[in-house]
Amino acid sequence: MDPIDPRDGHAEALEFRAAVDELKQLPPLLQEVVVMHSQTSRHQDVADLMGLSRQRVAQMLIQVAQRSRSSTRSDLRMSVPSPRRGPRACESWRTLPRNG
């Protein structure tokens, strides 16, 4: 993902909304770990606040990262046309109406 220009409030809002949507796809306990970790970078702090072991917090954050990577890969597979349809798919994209 390209870095967002800090002056571009619209792009920042879209990225935030996408992050929240992705967070909502997680089970509640993983959501809580992610939110807690966003406020403190130490796994031990998250573990202490949630009554978990530091190792469990680390394991859960790895699980979240793996889910995120796999969903990103599946999103990419859905958005990239099949090589067999390449020219036809590209042609259909050119004819889509554009906003703005």
C-alpha atoms as a PDB file:
ATOM      1  CA  MET A   1       0.000   0.000   0.000  1.00  0.00           C
ATOM      2  CA  ASP A   2       1.355   3.442  -0.903  1.00  0.00           C
ATOM      3  CA  PRO A   3       1.882   5.939   1.908  1.00  0.00           C
ATOM      4  CA  ILE A   4      -0.908   8.461   2.235  1.00  0.00           C
ATOM      5  CA  ASP A   5      -0.205  12.142   1.786  1.00  0.00           C
ATOM      6  CA  PRO A   6      -0.975  13.621   5.235  1.00  0.00           C
ATOM      7  CA  ARG A   7      -2.699  16.548   3.521  1.00  0.00           C
ATOM      8  CA  ASP A   8      -5.161  14.191   1.835  1.00  0.00           C
ATOM      9  CA  GLY A   9      -7.907  13.907   4.458  1.00  0.00           C
ATOM     10  CA  HIS A  10     -10.212  11.971   2.115  1.00  0.00           C
ATOM     11  CA  ALA A  11      -7.654   9.222   1.483  1.00  0.00           C
ATOM     12  CA  GLU A  12      -6.890   9.051   5.195  1.00  0.00           C
ATOM     13  CA  ALA A  13     -10.593   8.683   6.010  1.00  0.00           C
ATOM     14  CA  LEU A  14     -10.974   5.926   3.404  1.00  0.00           C
ATOM     15  CA  GLU A  15      -7.977   4.038   4.805  1.00  0.00           C
ATOM     16  CA  PHE A  16      -9.336   4.370   8.341  1.00  0.00           C
ATOM     17  CA  ARG A  17     -12.764   3.140   7.249  1.00  0.00           C
ATOM     18  CA  ALA A  18     -11.158   0.143   5.497  1.00  0.00           C
ATOM     19  CA  ALA A  19      -9.196  -0.665   8.659  1.00  0.00           C
ATOM     20  CA  VAL A  20     -12.354  -0.513  10.794  1.00  0.00           C
ATOM     21  CA  ASP A  21     -14.195  -2.744   8.309  1.00  0.00           C
ATOM     22  CA  GLU A  22     -11.357  -5.262   8.481  1.00  0.00           C
ATOM     23  CA  LEU A  23     -11.355  -5.081  12.285  1.00  0.00           C
ATOM     24  CA  LYS A  24     -15.091  -5.856  12.344  1.00  0.00           C
ATOM     25  CA  GLN A  25     -14.408  -9.128  10.502  1.00  0.00           C
ATOM     26  CA  LEU A  26     -12.402 -10.440  13.475  1.00  0.00           C
ATOM     27  CA  PRO A  27     -13.838 -12.304  16.459  1.00  0.00           C
ATOM     28  CA  PRO A  28     -14.456 -10.012  19.467  1.00  0.00           C
ATOM     29  CA  LEU A  29     -11.389 -11.146  21.460  1.00  0.00           C
ATOM     30  CA  LEU A  30      -9.066 -10.500  18.510  1.00  0.00           C
ATOM     31  CA  GLN A  31     -10.725  -7.113  17.990  1.00  0.00           C
ATOM     32  CA  GLU A  32      -9.977  -6.229  21.599  1.00  0.00           C
ATOM     33  CA  VAL A  33      -6.345  -7.323  21.320  1.00  0.00           C
ATOM     34  CA  VAL A  34      -5.874  -5.223  18.172  1.00  0.00           C
ATOM     35  CA  VAL A  35      -7.443  -2.131  19.754  1.00  0.00           C
ATOM     36  CA  MET A  36      -5.394  -2.539  22.941  1.00  0.00           C
ATOM     37  CA  HIS A  37      -2.228  -3.053  20.900  1.00  0.00           C
ATOM     38  CA  SER A  38      -2.975   0.117  18.931  1.00  0.00           C
ATOM     39  CA  GLN A  39      -2.756   2.040  22.205  1.00  0.00           C
ATOM     40  CA  THR A  40       0.399   0.395  23.555  1.00  0.00           C
ATOM     41  CA  SER A  41       3.152  -1.243  21.572  1.00  0.00           C
ATOM     42  CA  ARG A  42       4.214  -3.676  24.303  1.00  0.00           C
ATOM     43  CA  HIS A  43       2.684  -7.142  24.257  1.00  0.00           C
ATOM     44  CA  GLN A  44       3.176  -7.353  28.024  1.00  0.00           C
ATOM     45  CA  ASP A  45       1.028  -4.238  28.573  1.00  0.00           C
ATOM     46  CA  VAL A  46      -1.777  -5.737  26.468  1.00  0.00           C
ATOM     47  CA  ALA A  47      -1.422  -9.044  28.321  1.00  0.00           C
ATOM     48  CA  ASP A  48      -1.610  -7.347  31.716  1.00  0.00           C
ATOM     49  CA  LEU A  49      -4.686  -5.324  30.752  1.00  0.00           C
ATOM     50  CA  MET A  50      -6.508  -8.340  29.326  1.00  0.00           C
ATOM     51  CA  GLY A  51      -5.392 -10.987  31.818  1.00  0.00           C
ATOM     52  CA  LEU A  52      -3.561 -13.005  29.156  1.00  0.00           C
ATOM     53  CA  SER A  53       0.014 -14.199  28.837  1.00  0.00           C
ATOM     54  CA  ARG A  54       2.425 -12.178  26.723  1.00  0.00           C
ATOM     55  CA  GLN A  55       2.899 -15.236  24.503  1.00  0.00           C
ATOM     56  CA  ARG A  56      -0.866 -15.531  23.936  1.00  0.00           C
ATOM     57  CA  VAL A  57      -1.079 -11.868  22.943  1.00  0.00           C
ATOM     58  CA  ALA A  58       1.811 -12.341  20.496  1.00  0.00           C
ATOM     59  CA  GLN A  59       0.133 -15.453  19.070  1.00  0.00           C
ATOM     60  CA  MET A  60      -3.172 -13.613  18.614  1.00  0.00           C
ATOM     61  CA  LEU A  61      -1.487 -10.669  16.856  1.00  0.00           C
ATOM     62  CA  ILE A  62       0.243 -13.099  14.504  1.00  0.00           C
ATOM     63  CA  GLN A  63      -3.150 -14.679  13.804  1.00  0.00           C
ATOM     64  CA  VAL A  64      -4.585 -11.235  12.974  1.00  0.00           C
ATOM     65  CA  ALA A  65      -1.668 -10.468  10.642  1.00  0.00           C
ATOM     66  CA  GLN A  66      -2.094 -13.799   8.861  1.00  0.00           C
ATOM     67  CA  ARG A  67      -5.836 -13.184   8.409  1.00  0.00           C
ATOM     68  CA  SER A  68      -5.098  -9.722   7.055  1.00  0.00           C
ATOM     69  CA  ARG A  69      -2.545 -11.019   4.560  1.00  0.00           C
ATOM     70  CA  SER A  70      -4.829 -13.798   3.362  1.00  0.00           C
ATOM     71  CA  SER A  71      -7.776 -11.430   2.922  1.00  0.00           C
ATOM     72  CA  THR A  72      -5.558  -8.977   1.026  1.00  0.00           C
ATOM     73  CA  ARG A  73      -4.418 -11.767  -1.290  1.00  0.00           C
ATOM     74  CA  SER A  74      -7.995 -12.878  -1.933  1.00  0.00           C
ATOM     75  CA  ASP A  75      -9.029  -9.252  -2.585  1.00  0.00           C
ATOM     76  CA  LEU A  76      -6.213  -8.965  -5.116  1.00  0.00           C
ATOM     77  CA  ARG A  77      -7.267 -12.205  -6.811  1.00  0.00           C
ATOM     78  CA  MET A  78     -10.808 -10.875  -7.128  1.00  0.00           C
ATOM     79  CA  SER A  79      -9.726  -7.493  -8.539  1.00  0.00           C
ATOM     80  CA  VAL A  80      -7.150  -8.680 -11.086  1.00  0.00           C
ATOM     81  CA  PRO A  81      -8.559 -10.074 -14.328  1.00  0.00           C
ATOM     82  CA  SER A  82      -7.686 -13.594 -15.355  1.00  0.00           C
ATOM     83  CA  PRO A  83      -4.802 -13.725 -17.848  1.00  0.00           C
ATOM     84  CA  ARG A  84      -7.092 -15.689 -20.185  1.00  0.00           C
ATOM     85  CA  ARG A  85      -9.567 -12.799 -20.191  1.00  0.00           C
ATOM     86  CA  GLY A  86      -6.927 -10.065 -20.157  1.00  0.00           C
ATOM     87  CA  PRO A  87      -7.792  -8.033 -23.261  1.00  0.00           C
ATOM     88  CA  ARG A  88     -11.555  -8.452 -22.849  1.00  0.00           C
ATOM     89  CA  ALA A  89     -11.457  -7.614 -19.136  1.00  0.00           C
ATOM     90  CA  CYS A  90      -9.315  -4.550 -19.725  1.00  0.00           C
ATOM     91  CA  GLU A  91     -11.688  -3.429 -22.452  1.00  0.00           C
ATOM     92  CA  SER A  92     -14.687  -3.779 -20.125  1.00  0.00           C
ATOM     93  CA  TRP A  93     -12.887  -1.715 -17.456  1.00  0.00           C
ATOM     94  CA  ARG A  94     -12.368   1.092 -19.972  1.00  0.00           C
ATOM     95  CA  THR A  95     -16.094   1.285 -20.641  1.00  0.00           C
ATOM     96  CA  LEU A  96     -17.108   1.560 -16.973  1.00  0.00           C
ATOM     97  CA  PRO A  97     -18.592   4.924 -16.016  1.00  0.00           C
ATOM     98  CA  ARG A  98     -16.215   7.114 -14.033  1.00  0.00           C
ATOM     99  CA  ASN A  99     -17.110   9.453 -11.206  1.00  0.00           C
ATOM    100  CA  GLY A 100     -15.571  12.877 -11.067  1.00  0.00           C
END
